[in-house]
Amino acid sequence: MGSKEFIEKCKDIVKNYTIEHLDKTDSVSDFDIFVVWYCKTLQNHKALLSTTLFDGMYYELTFNGDKKELYLDAYKKFENRCIKIEEE
């Protein structure tokens, strides 16, 4: 699987997963999926994706080229803190 094909497949998977898990009372008509980070090593691919929805979710997709399997992990962002590190 090439990089472009992997990214397009990931976007489709995330879109379908998001639609499937939306609260039925939400009236979301359209949203975009975007790649936050991507890497390919040998026959394996990994990407972090998110959507334009304000749900705090992000998605990690990993393609195992040896087994021809794609894994999806869905995460919820709970907090973003800035921690100052003072050098001595």
Protein backbone atom coordinates (compact mmCIF):
# COMPACT_ATOMS: atom_id res chain seq x y z
CA MET A 1 0.00 0.00 0.00
CA GLY A 2 1.37 3.40 -0.95
CA SER A 3 1.35 6.50 1.26
CA LYS A 4 -1.46 8.25 -0.63
CA GLU A 5 -3.66 5.14 -0.57
CA PHE A 6 -2.99 4.68 3.16
CA ILE A 7 -3.93 8.29 4.00
CA GLU A 8 -7.15 8.13 1.95
CA LYS A 9 -8.13 4.82 3.59
CA CYS A 10 -7.41 6.32 7.04
CA LYS A 11 -9.60 9.35 6.29
CA ASP A 12 -12.45 7.06 5.20
CA ILE A 13 -12.10 4.92 8.34
CA VAL A 14 -12.05 7.95 10.65
CA LYS A 15 -15.05 9.52 8.89
CA ASN A 16 -17.09 6.32 9.19
CA TYR A 17 -16.02 5.78 12.81
CA THR A 18 -16.91 9.37 13.72
CA ILE A 19 -20.33 9.23 12.09
CA GLU A 20 -21.02 5.89 13.79
CA HIS A 21 -20.13 7.30 17.22
CA LEU A 22 -21.81 10.71 17.02
CA ASP A 23 -24.47 11.33 19.61
CA LYS A 24 -27.80 10.85 17.87
CA THR A 25 -28.95 14.26 19.16
CA ASP A 26 -26.01 16.03 17.46
CA SER A 27 -26.93 17.75 14.22
CA VAL A 28 -23.53 17.70 12.51
CA SER A 29 -23.95 17.93 8.78
CA ASP A 30 -20.36 18.00 7.57
CA PHE A 31 -16.83 17.92 8.95
CA ASP A 32 -13.31 17.51 7.62
CA ILE A 33 -10.65 14.95 8.53
CA PHE A 34 -7.01 16.00 8.54
CA VAL A 35 -3.62 14.37 9.11
CA VAL A 36 -1.72 15.65 12.15
CA TRP A 37 1.33 13.41 11.67
CA TYR A 38 2.37 10.60 9.32
CA CYS A 39 5.34 8.20 9.04
CA LYS A 40 6.24 5.26 6.80
CA THR A 41 8.96 2.79 7.76
CA LEU A 42 9.66 -0.10 5.41
CA GLN A 43 6.24 -1.66 4.65
CA ASN A 44 4.51 -0.12 7.70
CA HIS A 45 2.56 3.14 8.00
CA LYS A 46 1.36 5.16 11.00
CA ALA A 47 -0.76 8.31 11.06
CA LEU A 48 -2.46 10.53 13.62
CA LEU A 49 -5.66 12.14 12.38
CA SER A 50 -8.36 14.39 13.78
CA THR A 51 -11.55 16.09 12.63
CA THR A 52 -12.88 19.64 12.62
CA LEU A 53 -15.51 18.63 15.20
CA PHE A 54 -15.11 20.07 18.70
CA ASP A 55 -15.17 16.64 20.35
CA GLY A 56 -11.52 16.44 21.45
CA MET A 57 -10.99 13.14 19.62
CA TYR A 58 -7.94 12.04 17.70
CA TYR A 59 -7.18 8.80 15.93
CA GLU A 60 -4.05 6.70 15.51
CA LEU A 61 -4.00 4.31 12.56
CA THR A 62 -1.23 1.77 12.05
CA PHE A 63 -0.79 -0.49 9.03
CA ASN A 64 1.16 -3.70 9.61
CA GLY A 65 2.56 -4.45 6.16
CA ASP A 66 3.62 -8.00 7.09
CA LYS A 67 0.13 -9.06 8.18
CA LYS A 68 -1.79 -6.66 5.88
CA GLU A 69 -3.77 -5.40 8.89
CA LEU A 70 -4.78 -1.86 9.78
CA TYR A 71 -5.36 -0.97 13.44
CA LEU A 72 -7.43 1.96 14.74
CA ASP A 73 -7.01 3.54 18.17
CA ALA A 74 -9.42 6.34 19.14
CA TYR A 75 -8.40 8.79 21.87
CA LYS A 76 -10.10 11.63 23.71
CA LYS A 77 -8.08 14.71 24.61
CA PHE A 78 -8.82 15.64 28.20
CA GLU A 79 -6.42 18.47 28.83
CA ASN A 80 -3.62 20.55 27.36
CA ARG A 81 -1.26 22.07 29.92
CA CYS A 82 1.83 24.19 29.53
CA ILE A 83 4.51 23.14 32.00
CA LYS A 84 7.48 25.51 32.23
CA ILE A 85 10.84 23.82 32.56
CA GLU A 86 13.48 26.00 34.15
CA GLU A 87 17.05 25.17 33.29
CA GLU A 88 19.58 25.23 36.07
